[in-house]
Amino acid sequence: MEKITSFKPPIHLRHPFVQTILASLLRQNRPDHPMDMNSKPAVLNAGKGVKLVGHYSRSPENKALLILIHGWEGSINSNYIQRTGRRFFEKGVSIFRLNLRDHGETHHLNPEPFNGSLLRETYEAVRKAATEFGKKVPVYLAGFSLGGNFTLRIAREHSKGKAKIPNLKHCVAVSPAMHPQSATEMMDSKWIIGKYFREKWRESLHKKNVHYPELHPYPEIIKGKSVMEMTDRIVASTSQFKDSKEYFLSYTLGSKDFKGLKVQVSIVTSEDDPIIRPDEFKGIPPHSKLNILIQKYGGHNGFYENLKGDCWYFKVLETAIGV
């Protein structure tokens, strides 16, 4: 990847909290945008009876397919997904926005609740989307926060697995959660951020309880006073994991996960991310397929250059895709 100038936001946008809030709250309500007007839902069979939903917007130019994965308790309509999708749709790139399980009003589709270890179904959904909508064009994958974690694991599995993702050329992870337990602890330590995610998760579990009340004690889980306490309670309600530590380890990333890369990967993160510690990336050994871009500023999923919605990581994607 060619040299990209470091991110230097104006002074009024440098605070990590400002960047993080803008990423989630600076809305771009534009239902008349061509990407939105051309958006069509697609239900993907992700294996073992699991169904995931995404929206496909075919660009008239169809230069490439960009698949986007949102973060935890986000959706295909999250601000950072919308602004990224629209920007690249305008550049002639077709867009597929994928909802993870139990995100984007899909709580009724699958009995068991979402958890971060569900790589197989997410990988299969991305593979199906690339197969169906990325025919004869290069395919790119970008994920944010927990979606960035999924993106990195998908790159790992694509590199070593037999069921390859057709035409996959580059994976970009923005503010990826490398160490989920650490991210959860950091989240809980920030009052506003912790409260935001607790309330979002409680709302999601309320919906799950409406459809599948017999599977888990959702009313008790919701009473947890922190994200970590709620995690402890939901893990204890299943036999899948011994405890929360084992659960977090099931999707923790480390140096070994990047050794066998066979697809280009770029990581964008910031030193001032309020949820992700920058030291988590500094121990990863160099690799010809891996480009780690640690910026001084950017917050979590932010990297806003101005209040119009131009984001520095667009340059990384533009260079990767060649648009």
C-alpha atoms as a PDB file:
ATOM      1  CA  MET A   1       0.000   0.000   0.000  1.00  0.00           C
ATOM      2  CA  GLU A   2       1.351   3.414  -0.951  1.00  0.00           C
ATOM      3  CA  LYS A   3       2.312   5.895   1.767  1.00  0.00           C
ATOM      4  CA  ILE A   4      -0.711   7.640   3.258  1.00  0.00           C
ATOM      5  CA  THR A   5      -0.281  10.920   5.157  1.00  0.00           C
ATOM      6  CA  SER A   6      -0.963  10.561   8.888  1.00  0.00           C
ATOM      7  CA  PHE A   7      -4.314  11.653  10.268  1.00  0.00           C
ATOM      8  CA  LYS A   8      -4.190  15.204  11.626  1.00  0.00           C
ATOM      9  CA  PRO A   9      -7.673  16.469  12.490  1.00  0.00           C
ATOM     10  CA  PRO A  10      -8.361  20.137  13.270  1.00  0.00           C
ATOM     11  CA  ILE A  11      -8.002  21.059  16.943  1.00  0.00           C
ATOM     12  CA  HIS A  12     -11.746  21.103  17.627  1.00  0.00           C
ATOM     13  CA  LEU A  13     -12.012  17.465  16.477  1.00  0.00           C
ATOM     14  CA  ARG A  14      -8.959  16.029  18.245  1.00  0.00           C
ATOM     15  CA  HIS A  15     -10.528  14.855  21.477  1.00  0.00           C
ATOM     16  CA  PRO A  16     -11.102  11.067  21.362  1.00  0.00           C
ATOM     17  CA  PHE A  17     -14.567  11.403  22.871  1.00  0.00           C
ATOM     18  CA  VAL A  18     -15.560  13.868  20.134  1.00  0.00           C
ATOM     19  CA  GLN A  19     -14.298  11.489  17.436  1.00  0.00           C
ATOM     20  CA  THR A  20     -16.053   8.507  19.041  1.00  0.00           C
ATOM     21  CA  ILE A  21     -19.368  10.317  19.467  1.00  0.00           C
ATOM     22  CA  LEU A  22     -19.294  11.636  15.906  1.00  0.00           C
ATOM     23  CA  ALA A  23     -18.777   8.099  14.639  1.00  0.00           C
ATOM     24  CA  SER A  24     -22.075   7.011  16.173  1.00  0.00           C
ATOM     25  CA  LEU A  25     -24.197  10.143  16.358  1.00  0.00           C
ATOM     26  CA  LEU A  26     -23.432  12.369  13.358  1.00  0.00           C
ATOM     27  CA  ARG A  27     -26.336  11.105  11.296  1.00  0.00           C
ATOM     28  CA  GLN A  28     -26.577  11.202   7.537  1.00  0.00           C
ATOM     29  CA  ASN A  29     -30.311  10.771   6.957  1.00  0.00           C
ATOM     30  CA  ARG A  30     -30.413  10.573   3.196  1.00  0.00           C
ATOM     31  CA  PRO A  31     -33.034   8.045   2.080  1.00  0.00           C
ATOM     32  CA  ASP A  32     -32.851   9.612  -1.368  1.00  0.00           C
ATOM     33  CA  HIS A  33     -29.167   8.707  -1.719  1.00  0.00           C
ATOM     34  CA  PRO A  34     -28.583   6.359  -4.687  1.00  0.00           C
ATOM     35  CA  MET A  35     -27.112   3.670  -2.405  1.00  0.00           C
ATOM     36  CA  ASP A  36     -30.243   3.666  -0.247  1.00  0.00           C
ATOM     37  CA  MET A  37     -32.608   3.850  -3.218  1.00  0.00           C
ATOM     38  CA  ASN A  38     -30.868   0.859  -4.813  1.00  0.00           C
ATOM     39  CA  SER A  39     -30.686  -1.147  -1.580  1.00  0.00           C
ATOM     40  CA  LYS A  40     -32.277  -4.607  -1.675  1.00  0.00           C
ATOM     41  CA  PRO A  41     -32.459  -7.046   1.271  1.00  0.00           C
ATOM     42  CA  ALA A  42     -30.889 -10.475   0.975  1.00  0.00           C
ATOM     43  CA  VAL A  43     -31.328 -13.400   3.375  1.00  0.00           C
ATOM     44  CA  LEU A  44     -28.188 -15.531   3.454  1.00  0.00           C
ATOM     45  CA  ASN A  45     -28.057 -19.181   4.506  1.00  0.00           C
ATOM     46  CA  ALA A  46     -25.041 -19.143   6.820  1.00  0.00           C
ATOM     47  CA  GLY A  47     -25.033 -22.889   7.524  1.00  0.00           C
ATOM     48  CA  LYS A  48     -26.682 -25.156  10.121  1.00  0.00           C
ATOM     49  CA  GLY A  49     -29.997 -23.392   9.646  1.00  0.00           C
ATOM     50  CA  VAL A  50     -28.625 -19.948  10.538  1.00  0.00           C
ATOM     51  CA  LYS A  51     -29.941 -17.019   8.532  1.00  0.00           C
ATOM     52  CA  LEU A  52     -28.273 -13.627   8.347  1.00  0.00           C
ATOM     53  CA  VAL A  53     -29.610 -10.569   6.542  1.00  0.00           C
ATOM     54  CA  GLY A  54     -27.773  -7.959   4.519  1.00  0.00           C
ATOM     55  CA  HIS A  55     -28.620  -5.221   2.030  1.00  0.00           C
ATOM     56  CA  TYR A  56     -27.077  -5.083  -1.443  1.00  0.00           C
ATOM     57  CA  SER A  57     -26.749  -1.876  -3.450  1.00  0.00           C
ATOM     58  CA  ARG A  58     -25.481  -2.438  -6.989  1.00  0.00           C
ATOM     59  CA  SER A  59     -23.604   0.473  -8.452  1.00  0.00           C
ATOM     60  CA  PRO A  60     -24.266   1.112 -12.165  1.00  0.00           C
ATOM     61  CA  GLU A  61     -20.487   1.020 -12.700  1.00  0.00           C
ATOM     62  CA  ASN A  62     -19.979  -2.033 -10.458  1.00  0.00           C
ATOM     63  CA  LYS A  63     -16.200  -1.553 -10.292  1.00  0.00           C
ATOM     64  CA  ALA A  64     -15.916  -3.768  -7.207  1.00  0.00           C
ATOM     65  CA  LEU A  65     -17.897  -5.148  -4.268  1.00  0.00           C
ATOM     66  CA  LEU A  66     -17.296  -3.740  -0.794  1.00  0.00           C
ATOM     67  CA  ILE A  67     -18.745  -5.821   2.066  1.00  0.00           C
ATOM     68  CA  LEU A  68     -19.187  -3.899   5.342  1.00  0.00           C
ATOM     69  CA  ILE A  69     -19.529  -5.367   8.860  1.00  0.00           C
ATOM     70  CA  HIS A  70     -20.747  -3.143  11.715  1.00  0.00           C
ATOM     71  CA  GLY A  71     -19.647  -3.218  15.365  1.00  0.00           C
ATOM     72  CA  TRP A  72     -21.352  -4.697  18.425  1.00  0.00           C
ATOM     73  CA  GLU A  73     -24.945  -3.460  18.827  1.00  0.00           C
ATOM     74  CA  GLY A  74     -24.661  -1.582  15.544  1.00  0.00           C
ATOM     75  CA  SER A  75     -26.343  -2.498  12.264  1.00  0.00           C
ATOM     76  CA  ILE A  76     -26.298  -1.892   8.535  1.00  0.00           C
ATOM     77  CA  ASN A  77     -27.807   1.514   9.352  1.00  0.00           C
ATOM     78  CA  SER A  78     -25.065   2.583  11.772  1.00  0.00           C
ATOM     79  CA  ASN A  79     -23.659   5.968  10.881  1.00  0.00           C
ATOM     80  CA  TYR A  80     -20.135   4.719  10.120  1.00  0.00           C
ATOM     81  CA  ILE A  81     -21.546   1.969   7.867  1.00  0.00           C
ATOM     82  CA  GLN A  82     -23.870   4.354   6.032  1.00  0.00           C
ATOM     83  CA  ARG A  83     -21.284   7.059   5.428  1.00  0.00           C
ATOM     84  CA  THR A  84     -18.662   4.557   4.250  1.00  0.00           C
ATOM     85  CA  GLY A  85     -21.100   2.730   1.981  1.00  0.00           C
ATOM     86  CA  ARG A  86     -22.411   5.922   0.425  1.00  0.00           C
ATOM     87  CA  ARG A  87     -18.937   7.328  -0.165  1.00  0.00           C
ATOM     88  CA  PHE A  88     -17.794   4.283  -2.107  1.00  0.00           C
ATOM     89  CA  PHE A  89     -21.099   3.794  -3.913  1.00  0.00           C
ATOM     90  CA  GLU A  90     -20.523   7.282  -5.308  1.00  0.00           C
ATOM     91  CA  LYS A  91     -17.153   6.035  -6.562  1.00  0.00           C
ATOM     92  CA  GLY A  92     -18.744   3.226  -8.566  1.00  0.00           C
ATOM     93  CA  VAL A  93     -18.378   0.451  -5.985  1.00  0.00           C
ATOM     94  CA  SER A  94     -21.284  -1.884  -5.197  1.00  0.00           C
ATOM     95  CA  ILE A  95     -22.020  -2.226  -1.478  1.00  0.00           C
ATOM     96  CA  PHE A  96     -23.165  -5.146   0.662  1.00  0.00           C
ATOM     97  CA  ARG A  97     -23.934  -4.271   4.299  1.00  0.00           C
ATOM     98  CA  LEU A  98     -24.163  -7.344   6.528  1.00  0.00           C
ATOM     99  CA  ASN A  99     -26.120  -7.567   9.789  1.00  0.00           C
ATOM    100  CA  LEU A 100     -24.550  -9.844  12.365  1.00  0.00           C
ATOM    101  CA  ARG A 101     -26.909 -12.196  14.207  1.00  0.00           C
ATOM    102  CA  ASP A 102     -29.446 -10.325  16.398  1.00  0.00           C
ATOM    103  CA  HIS A 103     -28.504  -6.959  14.907  1.00  0.00           C
ATOM    104  CA  GLY A 104     -30.652  -4.712  12.762  1.00  0.00           C
ATOM    105  CA  GLU A 105     -34.025  -6.101  13.852  1.00  0.00           C
ATOM    106  CA  THR A 106     -33.135  -9.734  13.056  1.00  0.00           C
ATOM    107  CA  HIS A 107     -33.671 -11.146  16.565  1.00  0.00           C
ATOM    108  CA  HIS A 108     -36.456 -13.439  15.357  1.00  0.00           C
ATOM    109  CA  LEU A 109     -34.360 -15.309  12.789  1.00  0.00           C
ATOM    110  CA  ASN A 110     -32.171 -17.498  15.016  1.00  0.00           C
ATOM    111  CA  PRO A 111     -32.995 -18.972  18.455  1.00  0.00           C
ATOM    112  CA  GLU A 112     -29.628 -18.673  20.206  1.00  0.00           C
ATOM    113  CA  PRO A 113     -28.373 -15.135  20.933  1.00  0.00           C
ATOM    114  CA  PHE A 114     -25.397 -13.475  19.298  1.00  0.00           C
ATOM    115  CA  ASN A 115     -21.913 -13.847  20.736  1.00  0.00           C
ATOM    116  CA  GLY A 116     -18.482 -12.880  19.486  1.00  0.00           C
ATOM    117  CA  SER A 117     -17.352 -16.442  18.815  1.00  0.00           C
ATOM    118  CA  LEU A 118     -19.785 -16.925  15.913  1.00  0.00           C
ATOM    119  CA  LEU A 119     -17.145 -16.762  13.199  1.00  0.00           C
ATOM    120  CA  ARG A 120     -18.318 -19.688  11.088  1.00  0.00           C
ATOM    121  CA  GLU A 121     -21.725 -18.231  10.249  1.00  0.00           C
ATOM    122  CA  THR A 122     -20.287 -14.772   9.641  1.00  0.00           C
ATOM    123  CA  TYR A 123     -17.597 -16.158   7.358  1.00  0.00           C
ATOM    124  CA  GLU A 124     -20.159 -18.177   5.432  1.00  0.00           C
ATOM    125  CA  ALA A 125     -22.435 -15.149   5.038  1.00  0.00           C
ATOM    126  CA  VAL A 126     -19.541 -13.084   3.666  1.00  0.00           C
ATOM    127  CA  ARG A 127     -18.603 -15.931   1.326  1.00  0.00           C
ATOM    128  CA  LYS A 128     -22.185 -16.225   0.090  1.00  0.00           C
ATOM    129  CA  ALA A 129     -22.438 -12.466  -0.447  1.00  0.00           C
ATOM    130  CA  ALA A 130     -19.178 -12.448  -2.410  1.00  0.00           C
ATOM    131  CA  THR A 131     -20.284 -15.450  -4.473  1.00  0.00           C
ATOM    132  CA  GLU A 132     -23.689 -14.010  -5.326  1.00  0.00           C
ATOM    133  CA  PHE A 133     -22.943 -10.305  -5.700  1.00  0.00           C
ATOM    134  CA  GLY A 134     -19.227 -10.182  -6.459  1.00  0.00           C
ATOM    135  CA  LYS A 135     -19.148 -12.163  -9.668  1.00  0.00           C
ATOM    136  CA  LYS A 136     -16.313 -11.125 -11.983  1.00  0.00           C
ATOM    137  CA  VAL A 137     -15.341  -8.132  -9.817  1.00  0.00           C
ATOM    138  CA  PRO A 138     -12.755  -7.744  -7.029  1.00  0.00           C
ATOM    139  CA  VAL A 139     -14.172  -8.088  -3.511  1.00  0.00           C
ATOM    140  CA  TYR A 140     -13.144  -6.043  -0.480  1.00  0.00           C
ATOM    141  CA  LEU A 141     -14.132  -6.447   3.168  1.00  0.00           C
ATOM    142  CA  ALA A 142     -14.181  -3.742   5.845  1.00  0.00           C
ATOM    143  CA  GLY A 143     -15.261  -4.074   9.477  1.00  0.00           C
ATOM    144  CA  PHE A 144     -15.494  -1.719  12.423  1.00  0.00           C
ATOM    145  CA  SER A 145     -14.777  -2.433  16.116  1.00  0.00           C
ATOM    146  CA  LEU A 146     -16.123  -5.961  16.750  1.00  0.00           C
ATOM    147  CA  GLY A 147     -16.795  -6.076  13.010  1.00  0.00           C
ATOM    148  CA  GLY A 148     -13.084  -5.351  12.606  1.00  0.00           C
ATOM    149  CA  ASN A 149     -12.330  -8.332  14.832  1.00  0.00           C
ATOM    150  CA  PHE A 150     -14.542 -10.483  12.593  1.00  0.00           C
ATOM    151  CA  THR A 151     -12.821  -9.057   9.512  1.00  0.00           C
ATOM    152  CA  LEU A 152      -9.379 -10.074  10.794  1.00  0.00           C
ATOM    153  CA  ARG A 153     -10.568 -13.566  11.690  1.00  0.00           C
ATOM    154  CA  ILE A 154     -12.225 -13.891   8.282  1.00  0.00           C
ATOM    155  CA  ALA A 155      -8.911 -12.949   6.629  1.00  0.00           C
ATOM    156  CA  ARG A 156      -7.206 -15.630   8.744  1.00  0.00           C
ATOM    157  CA  GLU A 157      -9.767 -18.309   7.862  1.00  0.00           C
ATOM    158  CA  HIS A 158      -9.757 -17.371   4.174  1.00  0.00           C
ATOM    159  CA  SER A 159      -5.969 -17.731   4.168  1.00  0.00           C
ATOM    160  CA  LYS A 160      -5.971 -21.252   5.579  1.00  0.00           C
ATOM    161  CA  GLY A 161      -9.370 -22.666   4.658  1.00  0.00           C
ATOM    162  CA  LYS A 162     -10.628 -24.566   1.643  1.00  0.00           C
ATOM    163  CA  ALA A 163     -13.890 -22.621   1.215  1.00  0.00           C
ATOM    164  CA  LYS A 164     -12.300 -19.404  -0.038  1.00  0.00           C
ATOM    165  CA  ILE A 165     -14.153 -16.115  -0.428  1.00  0.00           C
ATOM    166  CA  PRO A 166     -14.249 -15.561  -4.210  1.00  0.00           C
ATOM    167  CA  ASN A 167     -12.187 -12.650  -5.548  1.00  0.00           C
ATOM    168  CA  LEU A 168     -11.277 -11.358  -2.057  1.00  0.00           C
ATOM    169  CA  LYS A 169      -8.442  -8.846  -2.492  1.00  0.00           C
ATOM    170  CA  HIS A 170      -8.115  -6.799   0.713  1.00  0.00           C
ATOM    171  CA  CYS A 171      -9.520  -6.683   4.235  1.00  0.00           C
ATOM    172  CA  VAL A 172      -9.594  -3.433   6.230  1.00  0.00           C
ATOM    173  CA  ALA A 173     -10.259  -3.435   9.991  1.00  0.00           C
ATOM    174  CA  VAL A 174     -11.062  -0.079  11.631  1.00  0.00           C
ATOM    175  CA  SER A 175     -10.636   0.097  15.431  1.00  0.00           C
ATOM    176  CA  PRO A 176     -10.723  -3.717  15.722  1.00  0.00           C
ATOM    177  CA  ALA A 177     -11.263  -5.253  19.150  1.00  0.00           C
ATOM    178  CA  MET A 178      -8.213  -7.500  19.426  1.00  0.00           C
ATOM    179  CA  HIS A 179      -8.710  -8.397  23.098  1.00  0.00           C
ATOM    180  CA  PRO A 180     -12.457  -8.478  23.832  1.00  0.00           C
ATOM    181  CA  GLN A 181     -12.068  -8.850  27.598  1.00  0.00           C
ATOM    182  CA  SER A 182      -9.852  -5.783  27.745  1.00  0.00           C
ATOM    183  CA  ALA A 183     -12.271  -3.872  25.489  1.00  0.00           C
ATOM    184  CA  THR A 184     -15.174  -4.781  27.781  1.00  0.00           C
ATOM    185  CA  GLU A 185     -13.265  -3.638  30.855  1.00  0.00           C
ATOM    186  CA  MET A 186     -12.338  -0.377  29.141  1.00  0.00           C
ATOM    187  CA  MET A 187     -15.947   0.101  28.047  1.00  0.00           C
ATOM    188  CA  ASP A 188     -17.232  -0.320  31.579  1.00  0.00           C
ATOM    189  CA  SER A 189     -14.627   2.123  32.912  1.00  0.00           C
ATOM    190  CA  LYS A 190     -16.018   4.944  30.739  1.00  0.00           C
ATOM    191  CA  TRP A 191     -19.364   5.979  32.233  1.00  0.00           C
ATOM    192  CA  ILE A 192     -21.057   7.336  29.097  1.00  0.00           C
ATOM    193  CA  ILE A 193     -19.711   4.645  26.758  1.00  0.00           C
ATOM    194  CA  GLY A 194     -20.491   1.854  29.213  1.00  0.00           C
ATOM    195  CA  LYS A 195     -24.032   3.144  29.766  1.00  0.00           C
ATOM    196  CA  TYR A 196     -24.585   3.444  26.008  1.00  0.00           C
ATOM    197  CA  PHE A 197     -23.627  -0.180  25.329  1.00  0.00           C
ATOM    198  CA  ARG A 198     -25.464  -1.549  28.372  1.00  0.00           C
ATOM    199  CA  GLU A 199     -28.684   0.091  27.266  1.00  0.00           C
ATOM    200  CA  LYS A 200     -28.249  -1.042  23.657  1.00  0.00           C
ATOM    201  CA  TRP A 201     -27.597  -4.631  24.755  1.00  0.00           C
ATOM    202  CA  ARG A 202     -30.509  -4.621  27.191  1.00  0.00           C
ATOM    203  CA  GLU A 203     -32.789  -3.459  24.395  1.00  0.00           C
ATOM    204  CA  SER A 204     -31.491  -6.269  22.184  1.00  0.00           C
ATOM    205  CA  LEU A 205     -31.991  -8.915  24.898  1.00  0.00           C
ATOM    206  CA  HIS A 206     -35.525  -7.636  25.547  1.00  0.00           C
ATOM    207  CA  LYS A 207     -36.280  -8.337  21.882  1.00  0.00           C
ATOM    208  CA  LYS A 208     -34.694 -11.775  22.126  1.00  0.00           C
ATOM    209  CA  ASN A 209     -36.837 -12.560  25.150  1.00  0.00           C
ATOM    210  CA  VAL A 210     -39.990 -11.748  23.190  1.00  0.00           C
ATOM    211  CA  HIS A 211     -39.165 -14.359  20.548  1.00  0.00           C
ATOM    212  CA  TYR A 212     -37.354 -17.051  22.578  1.00  0.00           C
ATOM    213  CA  PRO A 213     -38.150 -16.558  26.283  1.00  0.00           C
ATOM    214  CA  GLU A 214     -37.571 -20.212  27.147  1.00  0.00           C
ATOM    215  CA  LEU A 215     -33.913 -20.431  26.087  1.00  0.00           C
ATOM    216  CA  HIS A 216     -32.151 -18.065  28.505  1.00  0.00           C
ATOM    217  CA  PRO A 217     -33.069 -16.122  31.668  1.00  0.00           C
ATOM    218  CA  TYR A 218     -33.007 -12.802  29.841  1.00  0.00           C
ATOM    219  CA  PRO A 219     -34.798 -10.814  32.598  1.00  0.00           C
ATOM    220  CA  GLU A 220     -32.039 -11.798  35.046  1.00  0.00           C
ATOM    221  CA  ILE A 221     -29.239 -11.187  32.534  1.00  0.00           C
ATOM    222  CA  ILE A 222     -30.564  -7.683  31.852  1.00  0.00           C
ATOM    223  CA  LYS A 223     -30.261  -6.814  35.559  1.00  0.00           C
ATOM    224  CA  GLY A 224     -26.457  -6.902  35.326  1.00  0.00           C
ATOM    225  CA  LYS A 225     -25.016  -3.536  36.334  1.00  0.00           C
ATOM    226  CA  SER A 226     -22.191  -3.572  33.782  1.00  0.00           C
ATOM    227  CA  VAL A 227     -21.429  -5.082  30.392  1.00  0.00           C
ATOM    228  CA  MET A 228     -19.046  -7.491  32.119  1.00  0.00           C
ATOM    229  CA  GLU A 229     -21.661  -8.568  34.658  1.00  0.00           C
ATOM    230  CA  MET A 230     -24.236  -9.106  31.905  1.00  0.00           C
ATOM    231  CA  THR A 231     -21.632 -11.143  29.996  1.00  0.00           C
ATOM    232  CA  ASP A 232     -20.970 -13.284  33.077  1.00  0.00           C
ATOM    233  CA  ARG A 233     -24.688 -13.954  33.431  1.00  0.00           C
ATOM    234  CA  ILE A 234     -25.365 -14.890  29.813  1.00  0.00           C
ATOM    235  CA  VAL A 235     -22.261 -17.136  29.648  1.00  0.00           C
ATOM    236  CA  ALA A 236     -23.402 -18.882  32.850  1.00  0.00           C
ATOM    237  CA  SER A 237     -26.764 -19.621  31.215  1.00  0.00           C
ATOM    238  CA  THR A 238     -25.191 -21.811  28.530  1.00  0.00           C
ATOM    239  CA  SER A 239     -22.876 -24.824  28.497  1.00  0.00           C
ATOM    240  CA  GLN A 240     -20.929 -23.526  25.502  1.00  0.00           C
ATOM    241  CA  PHE A 241     -18.217 -21.913  27.649  1.00  0.00           C
ATOM    242  CA  LYS A 242     -16.842 -22.699  31.108  1.00  0.00           C
ATOM    243  CA  ASP A 243     -16.764 -19.024  32.054  1.00  0.00           C
ATOM    244  CA  SER A 244     -16.433 -15.525  30.614  1.00  0.00           C
ATOM    245  CA  LYS A 245     -12.657 -15.820  30.341  1.00  0.00           C
ATOM    246  CA  GLU A 246     -12.977 -18.842  28.063  1.00  0.00           C
ATOM    247  CA  TYR A 247     -15.654 -17.034  26.073  1.00  0.00           C
ATOM    248  CA  PHE A 248     -13.476 -13.961  25.507  1.00  0.00           C
ATOM    249  CA  LEU A 249     -10.528 -16.139  24.510  1.00  0.00           C
ATOM    250  CA  SER A 250     -12.674 -17.732  21.786  1.00  0.00           C
ATOM    251  CA  TYR A 251     -12.383 -14.554  19.737  1.00  0.00           C
ATOM    252  CA  THR A 252      -9.222 -12.933  21.067  1.00  0.00           C
ATOM    253  CA  LEU A 253      -6.595 -12.175  18.420  1.00  0.00           C
ATOM    254  CA  GLY A 254      -2.814 -12.417  18.782  1.00  0.00           C
ATOM    255  CA  SER A 255       0.395 -12.572  16.754  1.00  0.00           C
ATOM    256  CA  LYS A 256      -0.200 -16.147  15.617  1.00  0.00           C
ATOM    257  CA  ASP A 257      -3.390 -15.132  13.813  1.00  0.00           C
ATOM    258  CA  PHE A 258      -1.437 -13.102  11.241  1.00  0.00           C
ATOM    259  CA  LYS A 259       1.374 -15.523  10.385  1.00  0.00           C
ATOM    260  CA  GLY A 260      -0.246 -17.300   7.457  1.00  0.00           C
ATOM    261  CA  LEU A 261      -2.007 -14.410   5.739  1.00  0.00           C
ATOM    262  CA  LYS A 262      -2.610 -14.890   2.027  1.00  0.00           C
ATOM    263  CA  VAL A 263      -4.806 -11.828   1.522  1.00  0.00           C
ATOM    264  CA  GLN A 264      -3.828  -8.202   2.039  1.00  0.00           C
ATOM    265  CA  VAL A 265      -4.911  -6.814   5.424  1.00  0.00           C
ATOM    266  CA  SER A 266      -4.862  -3.238   6.727  1.00  0.00           C
ATOM    267  CA  ILE A 267      -5.558  -2.255  10.341  1.00  0.00           C
ATOM    268  CA  VAL A 268      -6.535   1.317  11.234  1.00  0.00           C
ATOM    269  CA  THR A 269      -6.491   2.227  14.932  1.00  0.00           C
ATOM    270  CA  SER A 270      -5.649   5.166  17.182  1.00  0.00           C
ATOM    271  CA  GLU A 271      -3.515   5.718  20.249  1.00  0.00           C
ATOM    272  CA  ASP A 272      -6.398   7.566  21.936  1.00  0.00           C
ATOM    273  CA  ASP A 273      -9.091   4.943  21.360  1.00  0.00           C
ATOM    274  CA  PRO A 274     -11.160   4.895  24.589  1.00  0.00           C
ATOM    275  CA  ILE A 275     -11.961   1.178  24.207  1.00  0.00           C
ATOM    276  CA  ILE A 276      -8.985  -0.424  22.406  1.00  0.00           C
ATOM    277  CA  ARG A 277      -5.449  -0.270  23.814  1.00  0.00           C
ATOM    278  CA  PRO A 278      -2.837   0.586  21.107  1.00  0.00           C
ATOM    279  CA  ASP A 279      -0.248  -1.748  22.699  1.00  0.00           C
ATOM    280  CA  GLU A 280      -2.347  -4.686  21.476  1.00  0.00           C
ATOM    281  CA  PHE A 281      -1.098  -4.024  17.929  1.00  0.00           C
ATOM    282  CA  LYS A 282       2.556  -3.257  18.625  1.00  0.00           C
ATOM    283  CA  GLY A 283       3.556  -6.854  19.316  1.00  0.00           C
ATOM    284  CA  ILE A 284       2.373  -8.168  15.953  1.00  0.00           C
ATOM    285  CA  PRO A 285       5.441  -9.130  13.863  1.00  0.00           C
ATOM    286  CA  PRO A 286       5.839  -7.603  10.370  1.00  0.00           C
ATOM    287  CA  HIS A 287       4.241  -9.467   7.480  1.00  0.00           C
ATOM    288  CA  SER A 288       4.253  -8.681   3.776  1.00  0.00           C
ATOM    289  CA  LYS A 289       0.451  -8.910   3.669  1.00  0.00           C
ATOM    290  CA  LEU A 290      -0.168  -6.796   6.781  1.00  0.00           C
ATOM    291  CA  ASN A 291      -0.233  -3.018   7.124  1.00  0.00           C
ATOM    292  CA  ILE A 292      -0.869  -1.569  10.615  1.00  0.00           C
ATOM    293  CA  LEU A 293      -1.671   2.144  10.725  1.00  0.00           C
ATOM    294  CA  ILE A 294      -1.666   3.426  14.315  1.00  0.00           C
ATOM    295  CA  GLN A 295      -2.662   7.089  14.406  1.00  0.00           C
ATOM    296  CA  LYS A 296      -2.227   9.575  17.246  1.00  0.00           C
ATOM    297  CA  TYR A 297      -5.859  10.688  16.991  1.00  0.00           C
ATOM    298  CA  GLY A 298      -9.115   9.123  15.843  1.00  0.00           C
ATOM    299  CA  GLY A 299     -10.982   7.822  18.878  1.00  0.00           C
ATOM    300  CA  HIS A 300     -13.057   4.697  18.238  1.00  0.00           C
ATOM    301  CA  ASN A 301     -14.374   4.288  14.665  1.00  0.00           C
ATOM    302  CA  GLY A 302     -13.927   8.042  14.190  1.00  0.00           C
ATOM    303  CA  PHE A 303     -11.060   9.542  12.178  1.00  0.00           C
ATOM    304  CA  TYR A 304     -13.223  12.517  11.202  1.00  0.00           C
ATOM    305  CA  GLU A 305     -11.361  15.139   9.156  1.00  0.00           C
ATOM    306  CA  ASN A 306     -14.285  17.577   9.264  1.00  0.00           C
ATOM    307  CA  LEU A 307     -17.967  17.806  10.202  1.00  0.00           C
ATOM    308  CA  LYS A 308     -19.053  17.023   6.643  1.00  0.00           C
ATOM    309  CA  GLY A 309     -18.318  13.357   7.316  1.00  0.00           C
ATOM    310  CA  ASP A 310     -14.999  12.932   5.501  1.00  0.00           C
ATOM    311  CA  CYS A 311     -13.013  10.257   7.332  1.00  0.00           C
ATOM    312  CA  TRP A 312      -9.285   9.601   7.120  1.00  0.00           C
ATOM    313  CA  TYR A 313      -9.740   5.838   6.756  1.00  0.00           C
ATOM    314  CA  PHE A 314     -11.512   6.503   3.445  1.00  0.00           C
ATOM    315  CA  LYS A 315      -8.012   7.054   2.050  1.00  0.00           C
ATOM    316  CA  VAL A 316      -6.969   3.588   3.175  1.00  0.00           C
ATOM    317  CA  LEU A 317      -9.979   2.034   1.455  1.00  0.00           C
ATOM    318  CA  GLU A 318      -9.524   4.171  -1.663  1.00  0.00           C
ATOM    319  CA  THR A 319      -5.912   3.023  -1.951  1.00  0.00           C
ATOM    320  CA  ALA A 320      -6.864  -0.608  -1.352  1.00  0.00           C
ATOM    321  CA  ILE A 321      -9.697  -0.596  -3.907  1.00  0.00           C
ATOM    322  CA  GLY A 322      -7.996   1.722  -6.382  1.00  0.00           C
ATOM    323  CA  VAL A 323     -10.780   4.308  -6.735  1.00  0.00           C
END
